[in-house]
Protein backbone atom coordinates (compact mmCIF):
# COMPACT_ATOMS: atom_id res chain seq x y z
CA UNK A 1 -57.28 -42.22 -53.46
CA UNK A 2 -58.36 -45.81 -52.92
CA UNK A 3 -55.24 -47.63 -54.01
CA UNK A 4 -53.33 -48.89 -50.93
CA UNK A 5 -50.00 -48.59 -52.72
CA UNK A 6 -50.64 -44.97 -53.59
CA UNK A 7 -51.74 -44.23 -50.01
CA UNK A 8 -48.57 -45.84 -48.64
CA UNK A 9 -46.48 -43.82 -51.11
CA UNK A 10 -48.15 -40.57 -50.03
CA UNK A 11 -47.56 -41.39 -46.39
CA UNK A 12 -43.88 -42.10 -47.09
CA UNK A 13 -43.48 -38.79 -48.92
CA UNK A 14 -45.29 -36.95 -46.11
CA UNK A 15 -43.02 -38.57 -43.53
CA UNK A 16 -39.90 -37.63 -45.52
CA UNK A 17 -41.08 -34.04 -45.90
CA UNK A 18 -41.83 -33.80 -42.19
CA UNK A 19 -38.42 -35.19 -41.23
CA UNK A 20 -36.68 -32.83 -43.65
CA UNK A 21 -38.62 -29.85 -42.34
CA UNK A 22 -37.84 -30.73 -38.75
CA UNK A 23 -34.16 -31.24 -39.60
CA UNK A 24 -34.09 -27.94 -41.47
CA UNK A 25 -35.63 -26.00 -38.60
CA UNK A 26 -33.41 -27.73 -36.04
CA UNK A 27 -30.32 -26.96 -38.08
CA UNK A 28 -31.41 -23.32 -38.41
CA UNK A 29 -32.69 -22.85 -34.84
CA UNK A 30 -31.21 -19.39 -34.71
CA UNK A 31 -33.16 -16.50 -33.21
CA UNK A 32 -32.11 -12.91 -33.94
CA UNK A 33 -33.09 -10.01 -31.70
CA UNK A 34 -32.20 -6.32 -31.97
CA UNK A 35 -32.20 -4.15 -28.83
CA UNK A 36 -31.04 -0.55 -28.32
CA UNK A 37 -28.29 0.16 -25.80
CA UNK A 38 -29.58 1.27 -22.44
CA UNK A 39 -33.00 -0.42 -22.71
CA UNK A 40 -34.18 -3.55 -20.93
CA UNK A 41 -33.93 -6.79 -22.91
CA UNK A 42 -36.20 -9.70 -21.98
CA UNK A 43 -36.45 -13.05 -23.72
CA UNK A 44 -38.71 -15.82 -22.41
CA UNK A 45 -37.68 -19.45 -22.93
CA UNK A 46 -40.96 -21.27 -23.50
CA UNK A 47 -41.08 -24.93 -22.59
CA UNK A 48 -43.74 -25.57 -25.23
CA UNK A 49 -41.39 -24.34 -27.93
CA UNK A 50 -38.66 -26.76 -26.91
CA UNK A 51 -41.18 -29.56 -26.37
CA UNK A 52 -41.74 -29.57 -30.13
CA UNK A 53 -38.05 -30.32 -30.62
CA UNK A 54 -38.18 -33.31 -28.29
CA UNK A 55 -41.44 -34.92 -29.52
CA UNK A 56 -42.14 -33.57 -33.03
CA UNK A 57 -43.50 -36.81 -34.54
CA UNK A 58 -45.45 -37.98 -31.51
CA UNK A 59 -47.89 -35.08 -31.85
CA UNK A 60 -48.40 -35.68 -35.58
CA UNK A 61 -48.97 -39.43 -35.60
CA UNK A 62 -49.44 -40.72 -32.07
CA UNK A 63 -51.47 -37.81 -30.72
CA UNK A 64 -49.58 -37.69 -27.43
CA UNK A 65 -49.01 -34.34 -25.77
CA UNK A 66 -46.25 -34.00 -23.18
CA UNK A 67 -45.65 -31.36 -20.57
CA UNK A 68 -42.16 -32.34 -19.43
CA UNK A 69 -40.05 -30.55 -16.83
CA UNK A 70 -37.06 -28.84 -18.41
CA UNK A 71 -33.89 -27.19 -17.22
CA UNK A 72 -32.29 -24.46 -19.32
CA UNK A 73 -28.56 -23.76 -19.48
CA UNK A 74 -27.39 -20.55 -21.15
CA UNK A 75 -23.91 -19.31 -21.95
CA UNK A 76 -22.15 -17.05 -24.40
CA UNK A 77 -20.76 -18.89 -27.37
CA UNK A 78 -17.15 -19.99 -26.76
CA UNK A 79 -17.44 -18.86 -23.13
CA UNK A 80 -18.50 -20.77 -19.99
CA UNK A 81 -20.87 -18.08 -18.72
CA UNK A 82 -23.16 -15.29 -19.83
CA UNK A 83 -21.88 -11.78 -20.60
CA UNK A 84 -21.72 -9.33 -17.72
CA UNK A 85 -24.89 -7.45 -18.62
CA UNK A 86 -27.09 -10.51 -19.21
CA UNK A 87 -28.71 -12.73 -16.56
CA UNK A 88 -30.85 -15.86 -16.52
CA UNK A 89 -33.50 -17.04 -14.08
CA UNK A 90 -35.72 -20.11 -13.82
CA UNK A 91 -37.49 -20.87 -10.58
CA UNK A 92 -38.70 -24.43 -11.24
CA UNK A 93 -38.33 -27.04 -14.04
CA UNK A 94 -42.04 -26.58 -14.80
CA UNK A 95 -41.58 -22.80 -15.22
CA UNK A 96 -40.34 -20.92 -18.24
CA UNK A 97 -36.90 -19.35 -18.15
CA UNK A 98 -36.02 -15.70 -18.71
CA UNK A 99 -32.96 -14.02 -20.16
CA UNK A 100 -32.88 -10.35 -19.16
CA UNK A 101 -30.48 -7.46 -18.89
CA UNK A 102 -29.49 -4.08 -20.27
CA UNK A 103 -26.71 -3.89 -22.89
CA UNK A 104 -24.12 -1.25 -22.13
CA UNK A 105 -22.29 -1.10 -25.45
CA UNK A 106 -23.25 -1.76 -29.06
CA UNK A 107 -22.24 -5.06 -30.59
CA UNK A 108 -23.38 -8.59 -31.32
CA UNK A 109 -23.64 -11.31 -28.69
CA UNK A 110 -24.30 -14.98 -29.50
CA UNK A 111 -25.99 -16.98 -26.73
CA UNK A 112 -26.24 -20.77 -26.70
CA UNK A 113 -29.42 -22.11 -25.08
CA UNK A 114 -29.52 -25.77 -24.01
CA UNK A 115 -32.81 -27.33 -22.90
CA UNK A 116 -32.60 -30.62 -20.97
CA UNK A 117 -35.74 -32.77 -20.78
CA UNK A 118 -35.99 -34.20 -17.25
CA UNK A 119 -38.31 -37.01 -18.43
CA UNK A 120 -36.41 -38.40 -21.41
CA UNK A 121 -33.01 -36.76 -20.69
CA UNK A 122 -32.86 -35.43 -24.23
CA UNK A 123 -31.19 -32.12 -25.00
CA UNK A 124 -31.94 -29.41 -27.54
CA UNK A 125 -29.72 -26.51 -28.56
CA UNK A 126 -30.81 -23.13 -29.89
CA UNK A 127 -28.82 -20.04 -30.84
CA UNK A 128 -29.89 -16.55 -29.79
CA UNK A 129 -28.18 -13.65 -31.55
CA UNK A 130 -28.55 -10.34 -29.72
CA UNK A 131 -27.57 -7.24 -31.65
CA UNK A 132 -27.25 -4.09 -29.53
CA UNK A 133 -27.51 -0.85 -31.48
CA UNK A 134 -26.36 2.58 -30.32
CA UNK A 135 -29.11 4.97 -29.25
CA UNK A 136 -29.39 8.23 -27.36
CA UNK A 137 -29.43 7.74 -23.59
CA UNK A 138 -32.35 9.41 -21.82
CA UNK A 139 -31.13 12.10 -19.41
CA UNK A 140 -33.45 11.50 -16.40
CA UNK A 141 -33.72 8.18 -14.62
CA UNK A 142 -35.59 6.98 -11.55
CA UNK A 143 -35.29 3.68 -9.72
CA UNK A 144 -38.19 2.21 -7.74
CA UNK A 145 -38.32 -0.74 -5.35
CA UNK A 146 -41.38 -3.01 -5.60
CA UNK A 147 -41.53 -5.04 -2.41
CA UNK A 148 -44.32 -7.49 -3.29
CA UNK A 149 -42.84 -8.85 -6.51
CA UNK A 150 -40.31 -11.45 -7.67
CA UNK A 151 -38.08 -11.18 -10.69
CA UNK A 152 -39.74 -13.87 -12.85
CA UNK A 153 -43.18 -12.33 -12.16
CA UNK A 154 -42.09 -8.91 -13.44
CA UNK A 155 -40.22 -9.92 -16.61
CA UNK A 156 -43.30 -10.79 -18.72
CA UNK A 157 -44.22 -7.90 -21.02
CA UNK A 158 -47.77 -7.68 -19.68
CA UNK A 159 -46.57 -7.06 -16.11
CA UNK A 160 -44.00 -4.54 -17.33
CA UNK A 161 -46.76 -2.64 -19.09
CA UNK A 162 -48.81 -2.53 -15.87
CA UNK A 163 -45.89 -1.15 -13.87
CA UNK A 164 -44.99 1.27 -16.64
CA UNK A 165 -48.58 2.54 -16.80
CA UNK A 166 -48.54 3.43 -13.07
CA UNK A 167 -45.13 5.10 -13.32
CA UNK A 168 -46.28 7.17 -16.30
CA UNK A 169 -48.99 8.69 -14.13
CA UNK A 170 -46.49 9.26 -11.34
CA UNK A 171 -44.01 10.92 -13.71
CA UNK A 172 -46.81 12.75 -15.56
CA UNK A 173 -45.50 11.76 -18.98
CA UNK A 174 -46.20 9.12 -21.60
CA UNK A 175 -42.60 9.05 -22.87
CA UNK A 176 -41.22 6.54 -20.40
CA UNK A 177 -38.92 3.60 -21.02
CA UNK A 178 -37.97 0.71 -18.75
CA UNK A 179 -34.19 0.80 -18.47
CA UNK A 180 -33.36 -2.05 -16.10
CA UNK A 181 -34.94 -4.65 -13.82
CA UNK A 182 -32.86 -6.14 -11.00
CA UNK A 183 -33.59 -8.77 -8.39
CA UNK A 184 -33.24 -7.49 -4.83
CA UNK A 185 -31.07 -10.53 -3.97
CA UNK A 186 -28.48 -9.28 -6.49
CA UNK A 187 -28.39 -5.95 -4.64
CA UNK A 188 -27.64 -7.42 -1.20
CA UNK A 189 -31.20 -8.30 -0.15
CA UNK A 190 -31.97 -11.20 2.15
CA UNK A 191 -33.66 -14.42 1.10
CA UNK A 192 -37.28 -14.24 2.31
CA UNK A 193 -38.96 -16.84 4.47
CA UNK A 194 -40.73 -19.61 2.51
CA UNK A 195 -44.13 -18.34 3.65
CA UNK A 196 -47.04 -16.76 1.89
CA UNK A 197 -46.78 -13.00 1.65
CA UNK A 198 -42.95 -12.91 1.67
CA UNK A 199 -41.27 -11.86 -1.58
CA UNK A 200 -37.73 -11.13 -2.72
CA UNK A 201 -38.44 -7.67 -4.12
CA UNK A 202 -37.51 -6.10 -7.46
CA UNK A 203 -35.78 -2.85 -8.49
CA UNK A 204 -37.25 -1.23 -11.62
CA UNK A 205 -35.42 1.66 -13.29
CA UNK A 206 -37.18 3.86 -15.85
CA UNK A 207 -35.97 6.83 -17.88
CA UNK A 208 -37.46 9.76 -19.76
CA UNK A 209 -36.50 12.94 -21.58
CA UNK A 210 -38.89 14.96 -19.43
CA UNK A 211 -37.77 16.31 -16.06
CA UNK A 212 -39.05 14.77 -12.84
CA UNK A 213 -42.59 15.53 -11.70
CA UNK A 214 -43.48 17.24 -8.44
CA UNK A 215 -44.34 13.90 -6.83
CA UNK A 216 -40.91 12.51 -7.64
CA UNK A 217 -39.15 15.64 -6.43
CA UNK A 218 -40.62 15.09 -2.96
CA UNK A 219 -38.12 12.27 -2.57
CA UNK A 220 -35.33 14.87 -2.48
CA UNK A 221 -36.86 16.96 0.32
CA UNK A 222 -35.23 17.06 3.76
CA UNK A 223 -38.48 16.06 5.47
CA UNK A 224 -38.72 12.89 3.38
CA UNK A 225 -35.10 11.94 4.11
CA UNK A 226 -35.65 12.57 7.82
CA UNK A 227 -38.68 10.28 7.93
CA UNK A 228 -36.89 7.51 6.08
CA UNK A 229 -33.79 7.79 8.29
CA UNK A 230 -35.94 7.58 11.44
CA UNK A 231 -37.56 4.39 10.12
CA UNK A 232 -41.06 5.84 10.14
CA UNK A 233 -43.64 4.64 7.65
CA UNK A 234 -43.77 7.24 4.92
CA UNK A 235 -47.30 8.00 3.80
CA UNK A 236 -47.75 8.64 0.11
CA UNK A 237 -49.77 11.80 -0.61
CA UNK A 238 -53.13 11.22 -2.18
CA UNK A 239 -52.30 13.08 -5.38
CA UNK A 240 -49.14 10.94 -5.83
CA UNK A 241 -50.68 7.50 -5.23
CA UNK A 242 -51.09 5.93 -8.67
CA UNK A 243 -50.83 2.28 -7.61
CA UNK A 244 -53.65 0.47 -9.43
CA UNK A 245 -52.48 -3.02 -8.36
CA UNK A 246 -51.32 -3.47 -4.71
CA UNK A 247 -48.48 -5.78 -5.70
CA UNK A 248 -47.04 -3.06 -7.98
CA UNK A 249 -46.85 -0.35 -5.30
CA UNK A 250 -43.39 1.16 -4.86
CA UNK A 251 -41.47 1.74 -1.61
CA UNK A 252 -40.93 5.50 -1.34
CA UNK A 253 -37.92 5.33 0.98
CA UNK A 254 -35.99 3.31 -1.61
CA UNK A 255 -36.81 5.56 -4.55
CA UNK A 256 -33.79 7.25 -6.15
CA UNK A 257 -33.56 9.90 -8.86
CA UNK A 258 -30.65 10.24 -11.29
CA UNK A 259 -30.02 13.39 -13.31
CA UNK A 260 -27.50 12.36 -15.97
CA UNK A 261 -27.14 15.95 -17.19
CA UNK A 262 -25.33 16.92 -13.98
CA UNK A 263 -22.73 14.21 -14.17
CA UNK A 264 -19.20 15.53 -13.94
CA UNK A 265 -17.24 15.17 -17.13
CA UNK A 266 -14.28 12.86 -17.04
CA UNK A 267 -10.90 14.61 -16.75
CA UNK A 268 -8.89 14.71 -19.96
CA UNK A 269 -6.31 12.03 -20.50
CA UNK A 270 -2.70 13.00 -19.80
CA UNK A 271 -0.66 13.90 -22.88
CA UNK A 272 1.55 11.19 -24.28
CA UNK A 273 5.21 12.17 -24.57
CA UNK A 274 7.91 10.98 -26.92
CA UNK A 275 9.25 8.46 -24.43
CA UNK A 276 12.72 10.06 -24.30
CA UNK A 277 13.95 11.65 -21.06
CA UNK A 278 15.07 15.22 -21.22
CA UNK A 279 18.70 16.07 -20.62
CA UNK A 280 19.03 16.86 -16.92
CA UNK A 281 22.79 16.64 -16.37
CA UNK A 282 24.80 13.88 -14.71
CA UNK A 283 23.13 11.19 -12.69
CA UNK A 284 23.59 11.59 -8.93
CA UNK A 285 22.86 8.34 -7.11
CA UNK A 286 21.13 8.63 -3.74
CA UNK A 287 23.22 8.47 -0.59
CA UNK A 288 23.43 5.18 1.27
CA UNK A 289 21.25 4.93 4.35
CA UNK A 290 22.91 5.44 7.78
CA UNK A 291 24.49 2.43 9.48
CA UNK A 292 22.41 0.60 12.07
CA UNK A 293 23.46 -1.34 15.18
CA UNK A 294 21.93 -4.82 15.03
CA UNK A 295 23.40 -6.07 18.32
CA UNK A 296 20.27 -5.31 20.43
CA UNK A 297 18.18 -7.17 17.87
CA UNK A 298 20.60 -10.09 18.03
CA UNK A 299 20.30 -10.24 21.81
CA UNK A 300 16.51 -10.20 21.72
CA UNK A 301 16.14 -12.77 18.92
CA UNK A 302 19.01 -15.19 19.74
CA UNK A 303 20.57 -14.76 23.19
CA UNK A 304 17.36 -14.45 25.25
CA UNK A 305 15.69 -17.58 23.74
CA UNK A 306 18.96 -19.51 24.17
CA UNK A 307 19.17 -18.60 27.89
CA UNK A 308 15.55 -19.62 28.41
CA UNK A 309 16.18 -22.95 26.67
CA UNK A 310 19.22 -23.67 28.92
CA UNK A 311 17.21 -22.86 32.07
CA UNK A 312 14.42 -25.19 30.97
CA UNK A 313 16.90 -27.99 30.24
CA UNK A 314 18.50 -27.65 33.70
CA UNK A 315 15.10 -27.65 35.37
CA UNK A 316 14.06 -30.75 33.44
CA UNK A 317 17.34 -32.55 34.31
CA UNK A 318 16.87 -31.77 38.01
CA UNK A 319 13.30 -33.11 37.95
CA UNK A 320 14.25 -36.26 36.04
CA UNK A 321 17.47 -37.17 37.88
CA UNK A 322 17.81 -35.14 41.07
CA UNK A 323 14.38 -35.99 42.45
CA UNK A 324 14.37 -39.73 41.72
CA UNK A 325 14.43 -42.27 44.58
CA UNK A 326 16.80 -45.24 44.54
CA UNK A 327 15.55 -48.83 44.68
CA UNK A 328 17.24 -49.46 48.05
CA UNK A 329 15.77 -46.33 49.56
CA UNK A 330 12.35 -47.18 48.23
CA UNK A 331 12.51 -50.76 49.60
CA UNK A 332 13.61 -49.47 52.99
CA UNK A 333 10.54 -47.25 53.22
CA UNK A 334 8.13 -49.98 52.05
CA UNK A 335 6.30 -52.23 54.52
CA UNK A 336 7.96 -55.64 54.64
CA UNK A 337 4.75 -57.60 54.18
CA UNK A 338 3.89 -55.49 51.13
CA UNK A 339 7.41 -55.91 49.79
CA UNK A 340 7.32 -59.67 50.35
CA UNK A 341 3.93 -59.86 48.62
CA UNK A 342 5.42 -57.98 45.68
CA UNK A 343 8.31 -60.41 45.36
CA UNK A 344 5.90 -63.35 45.61
CA UNK A 345 3.81 -62.01 42.72
CA UNK A 346 6.93 -61.71 40.55
CA UNK A 347 7.98 -65.26 41.44
CA UNK A 348 4.56 -66.70 40.67
CA UNK A 349 4.54 -64.86 37.35
CA UNK A 350 7.88 -66.35 36.33
CA UNK A 351 6.70 -69.79 37.39
CA UNK A 352 3.54 -69.56 35.27
CA UNK A 353 5.57 -68.44 32.28
CA UNK A 354 7.83 -71.45 32.63
CA UNK A 355 4.86 -73.79 32.88
CA UNK A 356 3.35 -72.35 29.69
CA UNK A 357 6.17 -73.92 27.64
CA UNK A 358 5.86 -77.39 29.27
CA UNK A 359 2.63 -79.35 29.15
CA UNK A 360 3.74 -82.11 31.63
CA UNK A 361 4.74 -79.99 34.58
CA UNK A 362 3.74 -80.28 38.20
CA UNK A 363 1.21 -78.05 39.83
CA UNK A 364 2.58 -74.67 40.74
CA UNK A 365 3.63 -74.24 44.33
CA UNK A 366 1.49 -71.12 44.55
CA UNK A 367 -1.61 -73.34 44.36
CA UNK A 368 -0.60 -75.47 47.36
CA UNK A 369 -2.15 -74.44 50.68
CA UNK A 370 0.11 -72.85 53.23
CA UNK A 371 3.59 -73.39 51.86
CA UNK A 372 6.92 -71.68 52.33
CA UNK A 373 8.10 -70.43 48.97
CA UNK A 374 11.73 -70.34 50.09
CA UNK A 375 12.03 -73.74 51.82
CA UNK A 376 9.28 -75.37 49.69
CA UNK A 377 7.88 -76.95 52.89
CA UNK A 378 4.21 -77.23 53.49
CA UNK A 379 2.91 -76.06 56.84
CA UNK A 380 0.06 -77.77 58.64
CA UNK A 381 -3.17 -75.84 58.79
CA UNK A 382 -3.83 -74.84 62.39
CA UNK A 383 -7.33 -73.57 61.88
CA UNK A 384 -8.95 -70.42 60.74
CA UNK A 385 -7.53 -67.49 62.63
CA UNK A 386 -7.08 -63.86 61.61
CA UNK A 387 -3.52 -63.94 63.02
CA UNK A 388 -2.34 -66.60 60.56
CA UNK A 389 -1.17 -65.04 57.28
CA UNK A 390 -2.02 -66.48 53.91
CA UNK A 391 1.66 -67.40 53.35
CA UNK A 392 3.63 -68.79 56.30
CA UNK A 393 7.27 -67.83 55.98
CA UNK A 394 9.26 -70.15 58.24
CA UNK A 395 12.92 -69.36 58.45
CA UNK A 396 12.30 -66.39 56.19
CA UNK A 397 14.47 -63.29 56.48
CA UNK A 398 11.27 -61.23 56.63
CA UNK A 399 9.56 -63.51 59.15
CA UNK A 400 10.29 -61.14 62.05
CA UNK A 401 7.73 -58.71 60.65
CA UNK A 402 4.94 -61.28 60.31
CA UNK A 403 2.36 -61.47 63.12
CA UNK A 404 2.52 -64.57 65.28
CA UNK A 405 -0.07 -66.30 67.44
């Protein structure tokens, strides 16, 4: 095609078809999964898959490839959280997310998955339909603790196959199914130190129709329980060590076996009656309880606190009024020079307050050298002598207490 108009028309049709296809797939972004009851369900949320929803046309025409950080939010449709049997984990925005769990009852569950692009702040929504079908539960189960693993490193199918391959040799059977995978933090484990070589730990439960092998039955021996209780390091026998990868080795002291065939049957439900009481004669009401004397309680709760309050009030009144000194008694015990100095300070204070309201007032008498505040007479300065007080009180009623030269 060499005609520019025809080339432009083809490009327009191609663009319309691409937009329609993208809109169609976005509108029908519904994923359906079927899982039997009692088996582990794992679904990985790939960032590359959601990246196509955010930048579908940039890859086709601009040639730009993005690797954006994303955060996934998952919840059951019409509910704020996930169902009880389903869990979600994502360690970092640059890591993929995982939905995992074991359905306990048949039925259909609709999960809404929201992906938030941390670069462009766009959001994409997908629907995951999980259909749990009824299936026979395997009678023998065993739970193992893997110390050197974390939950998001075990959920990929390739790692599950590696762990399952080792456990098949340990169980001595090929018919083995992974029933559940649980993070050790969800079982009361402690958060590890942020150092190399420290992991959270994972519990892996498997089931089979075949009875436990001899290696597994050693967990039930009294010698094994004694070693684990004492805290000693349990050595795995050579014929029972099937750990091909060191990080997949199990902790023997935390291994548990479950024989579902020996579970006690639930007691039968009580029979439901007609709801009508049988005729038992006349109704005899119960006798009234014997009378009780509440006077001791009244004394303890009312009289005793009242007496204590009266005693405290009398003691406080005696301290506040009976122990106070009168002004005359206090002045009689005070040194006369100190008392005169006190009265002088009060007089000077009143004088300064009066001067504050009048701008054209004379200098205060307290600033004059050697004056008598009562007669307002100035006294001649006779020289510096320690026997002359700062204030000479001539003809003062307290002058008999002042030292004289």
